[in-house]
Structure formats: C-alpha cells, structure tokens
C-alpha cells in the first residue's frame, strides 16, 4: 500500500528519554482524539437547542458552526508557531486547557442567556481543538512506519468517531431531554419563560466536559511522549529556502479537498436533526432525531476501524475513491427521496465519510519530509471549510432543507477527483503511484 514517504519515527524510543511502548502512546493519543470528537459533535445537539432558545433561522443557526470553524482558519498558523516554540507535548496540553476555559464560559453564556457570549465560548473551544488538530494529526502520521500512516491515522480517528458517536446520546439526555424544545415536536413555538428555562440546560454538560479536559491535560503532561524523527523536523532557513510546498500536487490539491469535504461533513451533521424531524421524512422530535444522529456517527466509527484494516491491503487513494462514489449516491437519495428511504440514506453517509478526512490528510502530507509540519498546518487550516456550512443554511432557507443536501453531493465529486488524480505525487515530489 502506498503511504507517506516522510521519514518515520519510532514510537517506542525517545532519544535521551524514557522508553515507552507504541501501544501506550497510541492509547493516550486515541483518548485525545476521542475527547475532541465528542466535544465537536455536542454542537450537533446544541444547534437545534439554540435555534429554539434564540428563535434563529437556519442561516443564523449555521452561523454558530461557521464561527466554530472560522477558528481553524484564524488559529492554525498561531498554533503551528506555538508548536515550533514549545513542542508537541506542551502544545497538546495548552490546547486542552484552552478547551476547558471555553467550556467553562458556556456557563455564564447560559445564565445570561447570551447568543454573543455563546458564540465567543464556542470560538475559544474550537481554537483549543485547532491546536490539538495541528499537533496530533501529523504526530500520529509520522511517529510510526510511513507504510501504515493512513491505517494508523484512520485507527485513532476511529476513536475520534467513537466520541462523535457517543456525543449525541450525551447531548440528547443532558441537553435536549432536559429542555422543552428538545422534547416537543417540530415547529412548536415556545414561550419566553420556556426559552429562558431551556437555556440553563447546557450548564451541567459543559461543566462535566471541562472537568474531563483538565484530567486529560494532567495525564498527558505527565506522560513521556516520543520525539519525532529528525527527518520530519523543520530545517534551517537556508535549507528551507530551497524547498517548496507548492511543488507537491498532493498537498496543493489536498488543501481544497479537506476544505470541500468539511463543507459536506459539517452540513450533514448540523442539519441532520432538523432534517429527520421534517414531517415528510421522519416526523421526529429533536430528542428522537439525536438517536438517529448517533447511528450516523456510529457508521463513521465502524468505517474508520474497517478502513484502518482495509488500507493495510488496498491503496489509500483507491479506498477514498470508493467511499466518495458511495457518499455521492446516498446524498442524491437523501436530497431527492422521501420518508424512511431518505432518512436512512442520510444516516448511511457516515459510513462513506468515515475514511475521508484521515485519508486525504495522509495523502496530502505524503513525501513532504522536513516540510511535513508546515504542510500539516495548511491542511488543518483547510478545516475552516466547515465554516461555509452557512451556505447550506442559506440554501435551506431559500430552496428547502432537503434540496440543500445537493450541495453535499457536489462536494463528494471533488473528493473523487482528488482520489483518482489529485493525490498522486508529481515526479518532482516523489514517484507517481
């Protein structure tokens, strides 16, 4: 299986440090991926809740997630510079601390309640996750054998998906299940008193999240994470001047691939509950819809575990191509079908989306060598594509929620293009696949 050609590191050996097992390293990193996936997907249950509390349109609702993903664009470069200054381990601990602060800010946001403070708190949490993304994704990719990089990143991303799978149940029980808007049928109008009472429902979940983040930060601070191999570290300014990221087609086309894929993933996740609640689709309450969202994220988790195994035998770009074709087909059914057929089509897209981010990421940094860190930073910045979910919100308000998923179907076609042609390394960047 073709893999990144960056020099590999050894997870079990830390020069001048304590010897640690690869299993222990991957277990700790998996917990890190789990927690930020969990927190990110709490938003999927939070958004329909806030839509009712603040009486928002679809455009205003998706603006919340746009602010979240704008943090990736704003915080990625500062995050890369912080990693260069303090190292991966301290950067990870700092990211967890920033996330804990943002989670605590959700408490005053709920007490006021304030739409503006809520947006700011979510931006802070997303900035912390950005720092984790910029540090942990490339770390997992280059800390082991390059031949199994895609498999390895899909494995830890599977634990990220475990977090995203459990988060809707957590949110359904502690947010939607404890609010008037969450247990009512679609289009129910709440009184002002009910909205104020509902706003308080987010306090306990985010206090729990903040506590877990602090505990994880302490655990990582005390753990001897291995150093990366010298072949993937930054080089001197003189040597760097002779190298160019833009000569690597797989990176240049991988950046928009991540950007466009995130529009698809976040659009589906954020509007999922509102979609299945439609009378012509599932006619469900938001709380009931969250359980179907659990199945969608569960499919993503299963797909990543399966992809981790499959990519040890099949080239990563081939798996990515098959996944994009499947995603395109089910999104057409979701956008144009009705009832249970459309509902289950949208649920199934999680299975096809599962391998896309980690596979695009590993293909994008393949062959970068000492430019790996910089290339990874650009790919993480491209996660800001999720901010354009507001475009789907506008389409939902303009042409209807269901037809807005045609935008998602179009996004899958670019991923297919990247898998078939864009992911190939040019002759100047490495041997073509």
Protein backbone atom coordinates (compact mmCIF):
# COMPACT_ATOMS: atom_id res chain seq x y z
CA UNK A 1 0.00 0.00 0.00
CA UNK A 2 1.44 3.40 -0.94
CA UNK A 3 1.97 5.61 2.09
CA UNK A 4 3.61 8.86 3.08
CA UNK A 5 7.27 8.93 2.15
CA UNK A 6 8.25 11.13 5.07
CA UNK A 7 10.85 9.64 7.32
CA UNK A 8 9.37 7.57 10.06
CA UNK A 9 9.82 7.82 13.78
CA UNK A 10 9.77 5.13 16.42
CA UNK A 11 7.02 5.26 18.93
CA UNK A 12 8.88 3.14 21.44
CA UNK A 13 12.14 5.06 21.55
CA UNK A 14 12.60 8.56 22.88
CA UNK A 15 16.17 9.80 22.46
CA UNK A 16 17.60 10.74 25.84
CA UNK A 17 14.28 9.96 27.50
CA UNK A 18 12.14 7.17 28.92
CA UNK A 19 11.39 4.17 26.69
CA UNK A 20 7.65 3.81 26.14
CA UNK A 21 5.56 1.28 24.22
CA UNK A 22 3.80 2.08 20.96
CA UNK A 23 0.58 0.72 22.47
CA UNK A 24 0.74 3.16 25.38
CA UNK A 25 1.41 6.09 23.04
CA UNK A 26 -1.44 5.17 20.67
CA UNK A 27 -3.81 4.57 23.59
CA UNK A 28 -3.17 8.04 25.01
CA UNK A 29 -3.46 9.67 21.59
CA UNK A 30 -6.69 7.78 20.97
CA UNK A 31 -8.17 9.29 24.13
CA UNK A 32 -7.18 12.71 22.84
CA UNK A 33 -8.92 12.11 19.50
CA UNK A 34 -11.95 10.76 21.37
CA UNK A 35 -12.45 13.85 23.51
CA UNK A 36 -12.23 16.43 20.76
CA UNK A 37 -14.59 14.40 18.56
CA UNK A 38 -17.00 14.18 21.47
CA UNK A 39 -16.95 17.92 22.10
CA UNK A 40 -17.27 18.83 18.43
CA UNK A 41 -20.40 16.73 17.98
CA UNK A 42 -22.10 18.06 21.09
CA UNK A 43 -22.69 21.01 18.76
CA UNK A 44 -24.99 18.84 16.63
CA UNK A 45 -27.40 18.55 19.55
CA UNK A 46 -26.64 22.07 20.77
CA UNK A 47 -27.59 23.78 17.49
CA UNK A 48 -31.27 22.75 17.31
CA UNK A 49 -31.46 23.61 21.01
CA UNK A 50 -30.04 27.12 20.45
CA UNK A 51 -32.25 27.57 17.40
CA UNK A 52 -35.28 27.22 19.65
CA UNK A 53 -33.85 29.22 22.58
CA UNK A 54 -32.88 32.22 20.43
CA UNK A 55 -35.56 31.73 17.71
CA UNK A 56 -32.96 31.51 14.91
CA UNK A 57 -33.34 30.92 11.17
CA UNK A 58 -31.35 28.12 9.53
CA UNK A 59 -28.85 30.72 8.33
CA UNK A 60 -28.38 32.07 11.87
CA UNK A 61 -28.14 28.53 13.25
CA UNK A 62 -25.39 27.50 10.87
CA UNK A 63 -23.60 30.79 11.61
CA UNK A 64 -22.85 29.28 15.03
CA UNK A 65 -20.94 26.45 13.37
CA UNK A 66 -19.34 28.89 10.94
CA UNK A 67 -17.85 30.74 13.92
CA UNK A 68 -16.63 27.40 15.25
CA UNK A 69 -14.81 26.51 12.05
CA UNK A 70 -13.55 30.02 11.45
CA UNK A 71 -11.36 29.31 14.48
CA UNK A 72 -9.48 26.74 12.40
CA UNK A 73 -8.57 29.39 9.86
CA UNK A 74 -7.64 32.01 12.46
CA UNK A 75 -5.84 29.77 14.95
CA UNK A 76 -3.96 27.33 12.67
CA UNK A 77 -0.90 29.48 11.94
CA UNK A 78 -0.51 30.67 15.57
CA UNK A 79 -0.87 27.02 16.60
CA UNK A 80 1.92 25.91 14.25
CA UNK A 81 4.17 28.66 15.61
CA UNK A 82 3.38 27.66 19.19
CA UNK A 83 4.29 24.03 18.40
CA UNK A 84 7.60 25.17 16.93
CA UNK A 85 8.31 27.15 20.11
CA UNK A 86 7.16 24.77 22.87
CA UNK A 87 6.98 21.35 21.18
CA UNK A 88 4.12 18.93 20.54
CA UNK A 89 3.53 17.79 24.09
CA UNK A 90 3.19 21.24 25.66
CA UNK A 91 1.08 22.37 22.71
CA UNK A 92 -1.35 19.50 23.29
CA UNK A 93 -1.64 20.32 27.00
CA UNK A 94 -2.20 24.00 26.15
CA UNK A 95 -4.92 23.06 23.67
CA UNK A 96 -6.75 21.02 26.29
CA UNK A 97 -6.51 23.93 28.77
CA UNK A 98 -7.96 26.37 26.21
CA UNK A 99 -10.84 23.97 25.56
CA UNK A 100 -11.54 23.73 29.30
CA UNK A 101 -11.71 27.54 29.58
CA UNK A 102 -14.13 27.72 26.65
CA UNK A 103 -16.33 25.01 28.19
CA UNK A 104 -16.50 26.96 31.46
CA UNK A 105 -17.53 30.08 29.51
CA UNK A 106 -20.67 28.22 28.41
CA UNK A 107 -21.94 28.51 31.99
CA UNK A 108 -22.28 32.35 32.03
CA UNK A 109 -23.49 32.18 28.42
CA UNK A 110 -26.39 30.01 29.61
CA UNK A 111 -27.11 32.06 32.72
CA UNK A 112 -27.48 35.35 30.86
CA UNK A 113 -28.53 33.84 28.33
CA UNK A 114 -26.48 35.44 25.55
CA UNK A 115 -26.14 34.47 21.89
CA UNK A 116 -22.93 36.56 21.63
CA UNK A 117 -21.24 35.01 24.67
CA UNK A 118 -22.23 31.56 23.39
CA UNK A 119 -20.52 32.28 20.06
CA UNK A 120 -17.38 33.50 21.86
CA UNK A 121 -17.25 30.44 24.14
CA UNK A 122 -17.58 28.08 21.18
CA UNK A 123 -14.84 30.00 19.34
CA UNK A 124 -12.49 29.52 22.32
CA UNK A 125 -13.23 25.77 22.46
CA UNK A 126 -12.65 25.47 18.70
CA UNK A 127 -9.34 27.34 18.99
CA UNK A 128 -8.16 24.76 21.51
CA UNK A 129 -9.24 21.92 19.23
CA UNK A 130 -7.37 23.58 16.35
CA UNK A 131 -4.16 23.44 18.37
CA UNK A 132 -4.79 19.75 19.05
CA UNK A 133 -5.50 19.09 15.36
CA UNK A 134 -2.33 20.86 14.19
CA UNK A 135 -0.21 18.92 16.67
CA UNK A 136 -1.80 15.47 16.97
CA UNK A 137 -2.68 14.61 13.35
CA UNK A 138 0.85 14.99 11.91
CA UNK A 139 2.32 13.47 15.08
CA UNK A 140 0.33 10.25 14.59
CA UNK A 141 1.14 10.19 10.88
CA UNK A 142 4.93 10.44 11.13
CA UNK A 143 5.65 8.87 14.52
CA UNK A 144 5.47 5.36 13.04
CA UNK A 145 6.08 3.47 9.81
CA UNK A 146 5.22 5.51 6.68
CA UNK A 147 3.73 2.41 5.01
CA UNK A 148 0.98 2.26 7.64
CA UNK A 149 0.44 6.01 8.12
CA UNK A 150 -3.08 6.07 6.61
CA UNK A 151 -4.03 2.95 8.55
CA UNK A 152 -2.67 4.43 11.79
CA UNK A 153 -4.44 7.77 11.41
CA UNK A 154 -7.70 6.04 10.47
CA UNK A 155 -7.35 3.96 13.66
CA UNK A 156 -7.02 6.94 16.03
CA UNK A 157 -9.67 8.79 14.02
CA UNK A 158 -11.93 5.79 14.70
CA UNK A 159 -11.69 6.68 18.39
CA UNK A 160 -12.49 10.25 17.38
CA UNK A 161 -15.60 8.78 15.79
CA UNK A 162 -16.35 6.83 18.96
CA UNK A 163 -16.52 10.22 20.67
CA UNK A 164 -18.74 11.62 17.93
CA UNK A 165 -20.96 8.53 18.22
CA UNK A 166 -21.50 8.85 21.97
CA UNK A 167 -21.86 12.65 21.99
CA UNK A 168 -25.41 12.72 20.52
CA UNK A 169 -26.61 10.39 23.30
CA UNK A 170 -24.93 12.62 25.90
CA UNK A 171 -26.45 15.72 24.33
CA UNK A 172 -29.86 14.10 23.86
CA UNK A 173 -30.03 13.13 27.54
CA UNK A 174 -28.46 16.19 29.22
CA UNK A 175 -29.47 18.96 26.80
CA UNK A 176 -32.41 18.02 24.56
CA UNK A 177 -34.01 15.60 27.02
CA UNK A 178 -33.99 18.25 29.77
CA UNK A 179 -35.47 21.05 27.67
CA UNK A 180 -38.90 21.94 26.34
CA UNK A 181 -37.59 22.44 22.80
CA UNK A 182 -35.90 19.03 22.77
CA UNK A 183 -38.97 17.03 23.71
CA UNK A 184 -41.51 18.97 21.64
CA UNK A 185 -42.49 18.17 18.06
CA UNK A 186 -41.04 20.16 15.16
CA UNK A 187 -42.23 23.77 14.73
CA UNK A 188 -43.53 24.02 18.32
CA UNK A 189 -43.47 27.67 19.47
CA UNK A 190 -42.02 28.18 22.97
CA UNK A 191 -42.91 30.92 25.42
CA UNK A 192 -40.24 33.34 26.63
CA UNK A 193 -40.21 31.64 30.05
CA UNK A 194 -39.68 28.23 28.44
CA UNK A 195 -36.78 29.58 26.39
CA UNK A 196 -35.08 31.01 29.47
CA UNK A 197 -35.50 27.70 31.28
CA UNK A 198 -34.13 25.77 28.30
CA UNK A 199 -31.01 27.95 28.16
CA UNK A 200 -29.91 26.60 31.55
CA UNK A 201 -29.76 23.03 30.24
CA UNK A 202 -26.25 23.40 28.79
CA UNK A 203 -24.52 24.24 32.09
CA UNK A 204 -24.10 20.73 33.53
CA UNK A 205 -22.85 19.09 30.29
CA UNK A 206 -20.12 21.67 29.78
CA UNK A 207 -19.05 21.56 33.44
CA UNK A 208 -18.58 17.79 33.04
CA UNK A 209 -16.62 18.33 29.81
CA UNK A 210 -14.35 20.93 31.45
CA UNK A 211 -13.51 18.52 34.27
CA UNK A 212 -12.60 15.71 31.86
CA UNK A 213 -10.39 18.06 29.82
CA UNK A 214 -8.41 19.10 32.89
CA UNK A 215 -7.84 15.47 33.88
CA UNK A 216 -6.65 14.57 30.38
CA UNK A 217 -4.31 17.57 30.28
CA UNK A 218 -2.69 16.43 33.55
CA UNK A 219 -2.32 12.86 32.24
CA UNK A 220 -0.61 13.98 29.01
CA UNK A 221 1.64 16.45 30.86
CA UNK A 222 2.98 13.55 32.95
CA UNK A 223 3.39 11.11 30.02
CA UNK A 224 6.74 10.79 28.13
CA UNK A 225 5.56 11.24 24.52
CA UNK A 226 8.21 10.18 21.96
CA UNK A 227 10.01 12.82 19.91
CA UNK A 228 9.54 12.87 16.14
CA UNK A 229 12.25 11.56 13.84
CA UNK A 230 14.67 14.22 12.66
CA UNK A 231 13.65 13.66 9.03
CA UNK A 232 10.29 15.32 9.64
CA UNK A 233 11.50 18.27 11.71
CA UNK A 234 11.95 21.81 10.42
CA UNK A 235 15.24 22.51 8.71
CA UNK A 236 17.43 25.61 8.75
CA UNK A 237 16.28 28.77 6.96
CA UNK A 238 18.94 28.25 4.29
CA UNK A 239 17.77 24.72 3.50
CA UNK A 240 14.12 25.72 3.78
CA UNK A 241 14.65 28.38 1.12
CA UNK A 242 15.44 25.64 -1.40
CA UNK A 243 12.21 23.71 -0.68
CA UNK A 244 8.68 24.50 -1.84
CA UNK A 245 5.39 23.13 -0.57
CA UNK A 246 3.70 24.17 -3.80
CA UNK A 247 5.70 21.65 -5.86
CA UNK A 248 3.73 18.85 -4.19
CA UNK A 249 0.50 18.34 -6.14
CA UNK A 250 -0.89 16.01 -3.49
CA UNK A 251 -0.70 18.85 -0.94
CA UNK A 252 -1.82 21.66 -3.25
CA UNK A 253 -4.97 19.76 -4.27
CA UNK A 254 -5.34 18.16 -0.84
CA UNK A 255 -5.95 21.54 0.83
CA UNK A 256 -9.17 22.22 -1.14
CA UNK A 257 -10.09 18.53 -0.73
CA UNK A 258 -10.12 18.92 3.06
CA UNK A 259 -11.90 22.29 2.74
CA UNK A 260 -14.65 20.93 0.49
CA UNK A 261 -15.04 17.67 2.41
CA UNK A 262 -15.63 19.59 5.63
CA UNK A 263 -18.48 21.52 3.98
CA UNK A 264 -20.10 18.13 3.30
CA UNK A 265 -19.47 16.55 6.71
CA UNK A 266 -20.50 19.55 8.78
CA UNK A 267 -23.52 20.33 6.64
CA UNK A 268 -24.86 16.82 7.17
CA UNK A 269 -24.12 16.74 10.89
CA UNK A 270 -25.51 20.17 11.73
CA UNK A 271 -28.77 19.90 9.80
CA UNK A 272 -29.30 16.17 10.44
CA UNK A 273 -31.70 16.50 13.38
CA UNK A 274 -33.76 19.21 11.68
CA UNK A 275 -33.88 17.02 8.53
CA UNK A 276 -35.14 13.85 10.22
CA UNK A 277 -37.67 15.93 12.18
CA UNK A 278 -39.40 17.03 8.94
CA UNK A 279 -42.95 15.60 8.70
CA UNK A 280 -42.27 14.18 5.21
CA UNK A 281 -39.03 12.45 6.37
CA UNK A 282 -39.18 11.08 9.91
CA UNK A 283 -41.62 13.33 11.79
CA UNK A 284 -39.49 13.03 14.94
CA UNK A 285 -38.79 15.23 17.95
CA UNK A 286 -35.27 16.64 18.26
CA UNK A 287 -34.52 14.22 21.09
CA UNK A 288 -35.58 11.26 18.92
CA UNK A 289 -33.58 12.66 15.99
CA UNK A 290 -30.43 12.68 18.13
CA UNK A 291 -30.62 8.89 18.38
CA UNK A 292 -30.51 8.60 14.59
CA UNK A 293 -27.58 11.01 14.62
CA UNK A 294 -25.92 8.50 16.97
CA UNK A 295 -26.29 5.89 14.22
CA UNK A 296 -24.81 8.20 11.59
CA UNK A 297 -21.70 8.88 13.69
CA UNK A 298 -21.61 5.20 14.63
CA UNK A 299 -21.34 4.36 10.94
CA UNK A 300 -18.36 6.71 10.72
CA UNK A 301 -16.69 4.92 13.63
CA UNK A 302 -17.25 1.47 12.07
CA UNK A 303 -15.99 2.74 8.71
CA UNK A 304 -12.76 4.04 10.22
CA UNK A 305 -11.99 0.81 12.04
CA UNK A 306 -12.72 -1.09 8.83
CA UNK A 307 -10.70 1.40 6.78
CA UNK A 308 -7.72 1.01 9.11
CA UNK A 309 -7.67 -2.72 8.34
CA UNK A 310 -8.51 -2.38 4.63
CA UNK A 311 -5.73 0.13 3.95
CA UNK A 312 -3.12 -2.40 5.00
CA UNK A 313 -4.01 -4.27 1.80
CA UNK A 314 -5.59 -1.69 -0.53
CA UNK A 315 -4.05 1.62 -1.62
CA UNK A 316 -5.47 4.51 0.41
CA UNK A 317 -6.47 6.52 -2.67
CA UNK A 318 -8.49 3.57 -4.02
CA UNK A 319 -10.43 3.27 -0.75
CA UNK A 320 -11.03 7.03 -0.84
CA UNK A 321 -12.40 6.83 -4.41
CA UNK A 322 -14.87 4.07 -3.48
CA UNK A 323 -16.02 6.00 -0.41
CA UNK A 324 -16.65 9.19 -2.41
CA UNK A 325 -18.75 7.34 -5.00
CA UNK A 326 -20.86 5.77 -2.25
CA UNK A 327 -21.32 9.11 -0.48
CA UNK A 328 -22.40 10.82 -3.72
CA UNK A 329 -25.06 8.17 -4.38
CA UNK A 330 -26.64 8.21 -0.90
CA UNK A 331 -26.67 12.01 -0.79
CA UNK A 332 -28.67 12.10 -4.03
CA UNK A 333 -31.19 9.74 -2.41
CA UNK A 334 -31.36 11.90 0.74
CA UNK A 335 -31.86 15.08 -1.30
CA UNK A 336 -34.46 13.70 -3.70
CA UNK A 337 -36.13 10.84 -1.82
CA UNK A 338 -38.82 10.84 0.88
CA UNK A 339 -39.66 9.16 4.15
CA UNK A 340 -37.57 6.37 5.61
CA UNK A 341 -35.57 5.90 2.40
CA UNK A 342 -34.24 9.46 2.55
CA UNK A 343 -33.73 9.24 6.32
CA UNK A 344 -31.62 6.07 6.15
CA UNK A 345 -29.69 7.38 3.16
CA UNK A 346 -28.55 10.33 5.27
CA UNK A 347 -27.73 8.00 8.17
CA UNK A 348 -25.58 5.83 5.89
CA UNK A 349 -23.41 8.70 4.65
CA UNK A 350 -21.42 8.47 7.89
CA UNK A 351 -20.04 5.12 6.74
CA UNK A 352 -18.75 6.63 3.49
CA UNK A 353 -17.47 9.84 5.08
CA UNK A 354 -15.53 7.85 7.67
CA UNK A 355 -12.22 7.44 5.87
CA UNK A 356 -12.21 10.76 4.01
CA UNK A 357 -10.51 13.19 6.41
CA UNK A 358 -7.70 10.92 7.70
CA UNK A 359 -7.02 9.54 4.22
CA UNK A 360 -6.93 12.93 2.50
CA UNK A 361 -4.67 14.17 5.29
CA UNK A 362 -2.12 11.37 4.99
CA UNK A 363 -2.13 11.54 1.19
CA UNK A 364 -1.71 15.32 1.41
CA UNK A 365 1.48 15.24 3.51
CA UNK A 366 2.99 12.25 1.70
CA UNK A 367 6.51 12.96 0.52
CA UNK A 368 6.88 16.32 2.31
CA UNK A 369 9.82 15.26 4.54
CA UNK A 370 11.01 18.30 6.54
CA UNK A 371 8.02 20.25 5.20
CA UNK A 372 5.59 17.85 6.90
CA UNK A 373 4.82 20.19 9.81
CA UNK A 374 4.09 23.16 7.54
CA UNK A 375 2.00 21.10 5.15
CA UNK A 376 0.01 19.63 8.02
CA UNK A 377 -0.69 23.15 9.30
CA UNK A 378 -2.15 24.14 5.93
CA UNK A 379 -4.32 21.03 5.80
CA UNK A 380 -5.65 21.71 9.29
CA UNK A 381 -6.34 25.33 8.30
CA UNK A 382 -8.48 23.93 5.48
CA UNK A 383 -10.84 22.50 8.11
CA UNK A 384 -12.18 26.07 8.08
CA UNK A 385 -14.22 24.83 5.13
CA UNK A 386 -16.74 23.78 7.77
CA UNK A 387 -17.48 27.49 8.25
CA UNK A 388 -19.11 27.52 4.81
CA UNK A 389 -21.90 25.37 6.21
CA UNK A 390 -23.67 28.73 6.37
CA UNK A 391 -24.04 28.41 2.59
CA UNK A 392 -26.11 25.28 3.11
CA UNK A 393 -28.09 27.10 5.80
CA UNK A 394 -28.87 29.81 3.24
CA UNK A 395 -29.88 27.15 0.70
CA UNK A 396 -32.13 25.51 3.30
CA UNK A 397 -33.90 28.83 3.90
CA UNK A 398 -34.11 29.54 0.15
CA UNK A 399 -34.89 26.26 -1.65
CA UNK A 400 -35.71 23.98 1.27
CA UNK A 401 -33.77 21.92 3.79
CA UNK A 402 -33.88 18.67 1.81
CA UNK A 403 -32.72 20.10 -1.52
CA UNK A 404 -29.85 21.87 0.26
CA UNK A 405 -28.13 18.46 0.51
CA UNK A 406 -27.43 18.59 -3.22
CA UNK A 407 -24.53 20.84 -2.18
CA UNK A 408 -23.17 17.91 -0.16
CA UNK A 409 -23.46 15.61 -3.17
CA UNK A 410 -21.44 18.08 -5.26
CA UNK A 411 -18.69 18.14 -2.62
CA UNK A 412 -18.28 14.36 -2.87
CA UNK A 413 -17.34 14.73 -6.55
CA UNK A 414 -14.25 16.81 -5.74
CA UNK A 415 -13.13 14.17 -3.24
CA UNK A 416 -13.45 11.61 -6.03
CA UNK A 417 -11.32 13.80 -8.32
CA UNK A 418 -8.66 14.08 -5.62
CA UNK A 419 -8.60 10.32 -5.02
CA UNK A 420 -8.32 9.46 -8.71
CA UNK A 421 -5.83 12.12 -9.82
CA UNK A 422 -5.02 14.85 -7.31
CA UNK A 423 -3.46 12.63 -4.64
CA UNK A 424 -0.69 11.42 -6.94
CA UNK A 425 2.73 12.79 -6.15
CA UNK A 426 4.29 14.65 -9.07
CA UNK A 427 7.64 13.48 -10.43
CA UNK A 428 9.33 16.34 -8.59
CA UNK A 429 7.72 15.36 -5.29
CA UNK A 430 8.14 11.64 -5.43
CA UNK A 431 7.42 8.61 -7.58
CA UNK A 432 3.89 8.60 -9.00
CA UNK A 433 1.65 5.84 -7.67
